Amino acid sequence: MLRRLASLRDDKSGVAIIELALAAPVLALMSIGIVDMSNAMGKKLALEQGAHRAIEKIMQTTEDSTVQGTLATEAVCQVNGVNANGTCKTSPITASNVTVKWRIECVNGSTVLSQESTDYATIDAATCATGYTEAHYIRVTVTDTYTPMFPIHFAGLNADGTYHVSATAGMRTE
């Protein structure tokens, strides 16, 4: 009986299986985490591209209606893609995910005064005092949410189990 116990103790045939059983869950979680982060970064990149393309469309002055409407439409089309007939797809984002802000900046030496609004008329009516240099800016922000495959609740998730992703692009207009 003692000889049989000694032979079992010296047997190394199951060591590899036990090591694999210990390492496999860690490797699987790391792989899933990498894929999840890649998907989130892909979504953020799509939002950034949509915001930049919207700004490029305005620079070409080919708007369809208002500047704000064109920016929102172009950002949505860039993020969602287009159907076979050339119309924009309606998901995952809509025009409500796009915020357009105008800003006027008045500069005199080291003094900078600025005013920002989502209403273009407010900024268009604003003027700088004498002696100040005036500059106008436009900024497009596109937002969306990302739902991870395996949510980690201590890693900054919102109450709805998603991460909020946003991208911003802007340019000086005058």
Protein backbone atom coordinates (compact mmCIF):
# COMPACT_ATOMS: atom_id res chain seq x y z
CA MET A 1 0.00 0.00 0.00
CA LEU A 2 2.84 2.40 0.83
CA ARG A 3 4.48 1.61 -2.49
CA ARG A 4 1.26 2.52 -4.34
CA LEU A 5 0.97 5.86 -2.49
CA ALA A 6 4.61 6.66 -3.29
CA SER A 7 4.03 5.94 -7.00
CA LEU A 8 0.99 8.26 -7.03
CA ARG A 9 3.00 10.97 -5.35
CA ASP A 10 5.76 10.73 -7.97
CA ASP A 11 3.34 10.61 -10.93
CA LYS A 12 3.52 13.90 -12.92
CA SER A 13 1.04 13.05 -15.69
CA GLY A 14 -1.78 15.37 -14.48
CA VAL A 15 0.30 18.47 -13.72
CA ALA A 16 -0.25 20.09 -17.12
CA ILE A 17 -4.03 19.74 -16.86
CA ILE A 18 -4.08 21.33 -13.42
CA GLU A 19 -1.87 24.22 -14.59
CA LEU A 20 -4.13 24.76 -17.58
CA ALA A 21 -7.20 24.72 -15.33
CA LEU A 22 -5.64 27.47 -13.21
CA ALA A 23 -4.39 29.64 -16.09
CA ALA A 24 -7.26 29.29 -18.61
CA PRO A 25 -9.83 31.49 -16.79
CA VAL A 26 -7.29 34.29 -16.41
CA LEU A 27 -6.32 34.11 -20.09
CA ALA A 28 -9.97 33.98 -21.17
CA LEU A 29 -10.87 37.05 -19.10
CA MET A 30 -7.90 38.95 -20.47
CA SER A 31 -8.88 38.09 -24.05
CA ILE A 32 -12.49 39.13 -23.50
CA GLY A 33 -11.34 42.37 -21.88
CA ILE A 34 -9.10 43.19 -24.84
CA VAL A 35 -11.93 42.55 -27.30
CA ASP A 36 -14.34 44.63 -25.20
CA MET A 37 -11.94 47.58 -25.01
CA SER A 38 -11.29 47.31 -28.76
CA ASN A 39 -15.03 47.54 -29.43
CA ALA A 40 -15.35 50.59 -27.17
CA MET A 41 -12.41 52.31 -28.87
CA GLY A 42 -13.94 51.51 -32.26
CA LYS A 43 -17.17 53.20 -31.20
CA LYS A 44 -15.25 56.26 -29.97
CA LEU A 45 -13.32 56.41 -33.25
CA ALA A 46 -16.59 56.30 -35.22
CA LEU A 47 -17.94 59.22 -33.17
CA GLU A 48 -14.74 61.22 -33.72
CA GLN A 49 -14.87 60.59 -37.46
CA GLY A 50 -18.53 61.65 -37.55
CA ALA A 51 -17.78 64.93 -35.74
CA HIS A 52 -14.80 65.71 -37.99
CA ARG A 53 -16.70 64.89 -41.19
CA ALA A 54 -19.55 67.14 -40.09
CA ILE A 55 -17.11 70.03 -39.64
CA GLU A 56 -15.59 69.29 -43.08
CA LYS A 57 -19.07 69.40 -44.64
CA ILE A 58 -19.67 72.88 -43.20
CA MET A 59 -16.25 74.03 -44.43
CA GLN A 60 -17.40 73.10 -47.93
CA THR A 61 -20.54 75.26 -47.34
CA THR A 62 -22.84 72.62 -48.77
CA GLU A 63 -25.42 72.70 -46.01
CA ASP A 64 -28.96 71.53 -46.77
CA SER A 65 -30.89 73.71 -44.31
CA THR A 66 -29.33 75.31 -41.23
CA VAL A 67 -25.73 74.92 -40.16
CA GLN A 68 -26.83 73.08 -37.03
CA GLY A 69 -29.13 70.76 -39.02
CA THR A 70 -26.41 69.98 -41.53
CA LEU A 71 -23.87 69.25 -38.82
CA ALA A 72 -26.27 66.91 -37.02
CA THR A 73 -27.30 65.12 -40.23
CA GLU A 74 -23.73 64.67 -41.41
CA ALA A 75 -22.51 63.39 -38.03
CA VAL A 76 -25.40 60.90 -37.82
CA CYS A 77 -24.77 59.67 -41.39
CA GLN A 78 -21.05 59.23 -40.72
CA VAL A 79 -21.55 57.28 -37.50
CA ASN A 80 -24.53 55.16 -38.65
CA GLY A 81 -23.60 54.70 -42.31
CA VAL A 82 -25.97 54.90 -45.27
CA ASN A 83 -28.56 52.59 -46.76
CA ALA A 84 -28.30 51.20 -50.31
CA ASN A 85 -30.43 54.10 -51.60
CA GLY A 86 -28.07 56.71 -50.09
CA THR A 87 -30.22 57.73 -47.12
CA CYS A 88 -28.82 57.76 -43.60
CA LYS A 89 -29.43 54.81 -41.30
CA THR A 90 -31.46 55.69 -38.22
CA SER A 91 -29.45 53.90 -35.53
CA PRO A 92 -27.46 53.68 -33.28
CA ILE A 93 -27.47 57.50 -32.92
CA THR A 94 -29.90 60.25 -33.90
CA ALA A 95 -29.67 64.03 -34.23
CA SER A 96 -30.39 64.27 -30.49
CA ASN A 97 -26.92 62.78 -29.89
CA VAL A 98 -25.30 65.75 -31.65
CA THR A 99 -24.73 69.09 -29.89
CA VAL A 100 -23.58 72.15 -31.80
CA LYS A 101 -22.19 75.13 -29.90
CA TRP A 102 -21.01 78.50 -31.13
CA ARG A 103 -18.55 80.66 -29.23
CA ILE A 104 -17.33 84.22 -29.55
CA GLU A 105 -13.99 85.07 -28.02
CA CYS A 106 -12.80 88.64 -27.40
CA VAL A 107 -9.05 89.00 -26.82
CA ASN A 108 -7.10 92.05 -25.68
CA GLY A 109 -3.56 91.16 -24.63
CA SER A 110 -3.86 88.63 -21.83
CA THR A 111 -7.56 89.38 -21.26
CA VAL A 112 -9.88 86.83 -22.87
CA LEU A 113 -13.66 87.15 -22.68
CA SER A 114 -15.79 84.43 -24.19
CA GLN A 115 -19.45 83.61 -24.58
CA GLU A 116 -20.83 80.23 -25.71
CA SER A 117 -24.32 79.18 -26.77
CA THR A 118 -26.21 76.48 -28.64
CA ASP A 119 -28.22 79.31 -30.26
CA TYR A 120 -26.36 80.82 -33.22
CA ALA A 121 -28.40 84.06 -33.13
CA THR A 122 -27.12 84.81 -29.61
CA ILE A 123 -23.49 84.56 -30.68
CA ASP A 124 -24.06 86.28 -34.03
CA ALA A 125 -25.58 89.29 -32.23
CA ALA A 126 -22.71 89.48 -29.72
CA THR A 127 -19.86 91.88 -30.41
CA CYS A 128 -16.56 92.65 -28.75
CA ALA A 129 -15.71 95.95 -27.13
CA THR A 130 -13.40 98.41 -28.87
CA GLY A 131 -9.77 97.28 -28.72
CA TYR A 132 -10.62 93.58 -28.52
CA THR A 133 -9.92 91.11 -31.32
CA GLU A 134 -12.96 89.01 -32.16
CA ALA A 135 -12.91 85.30 -33.06
CA HIS A 136 -15.82 82.94 -33.69
CA TYR A 137 -15.70 79.18 -33.17
CA ILE A 138 -18.02 76.25 -33.78
CA ARG A 139 -17.87 72.93 -31.91
CA VAL A 140 -19.69 69.66 -32.63
CA THR A 141 -20.03 67.03 -29.90
CA VAL A 142 -21.36 63.56 -30.69
CA THR A 143 -22.36 61.25 -27.82
CA ASP A 144 -23.39 57.63 -27.56
CA THR A 145 -23.30 54.79 -25.04
CA TYR A 146 -21.35 51.56 -25.10
CA THR A 147 -22.57 48.42 -23.37
CA PRO A 148 -19.67 46.12 -22.51
CA MET A 149 -19.96 42.37 -23.08
CA PHE A 150 -19.00 41.69 -19.46
CA PRO A 151 -19.61 44.78 -17.30
CA ILE A 152 -17.22 45.38 -14.45
CA HIS A 153 -19.25 47.38 -11.97
CA PHE A 154 -16.33 49.02 -10.21
CA ALA A 155 -14.81 50.31 -13.47
CA GLY A 156 -16.91 53.48 -13.92
CA LEU A 157 -20.11 52.01 -15.30
CA ASN A 158 -23.22 54.17 -15.19
CA ALA A 159 -26.40 53.06 -13.43
CA ASP A 160 -27.76 51.73 -16.74
CA GLY A 161 -24.74 49.43 -17.20
CA THR A 162 -23.14 51.45 -20.00
CA TYR A 163 -20.21 53.73 -20.60
CA HIS A 164 -20.87 57.15 -22.10
CA VAL A 165 -18.65 57.80 -25.12
CA SER A 166 -18.28 61.21 -26.77
CA ALA A 167 -16.17 62.94 -29.39
CA THR A 168 -15.71 66.62 -30.17
CA ALA A 169 -14.50 68.49 -33.23
CA GLY A 170 -14.33 72.21 -33.80
CA MET A 171 -12.95 74.99 -35.92
CA ARG A 172 -12.58 78.74 -36.04
CA THR A 173 -15.15 80.30 -38.34
CA GLU A 174 -14.06 83.95 -38.42
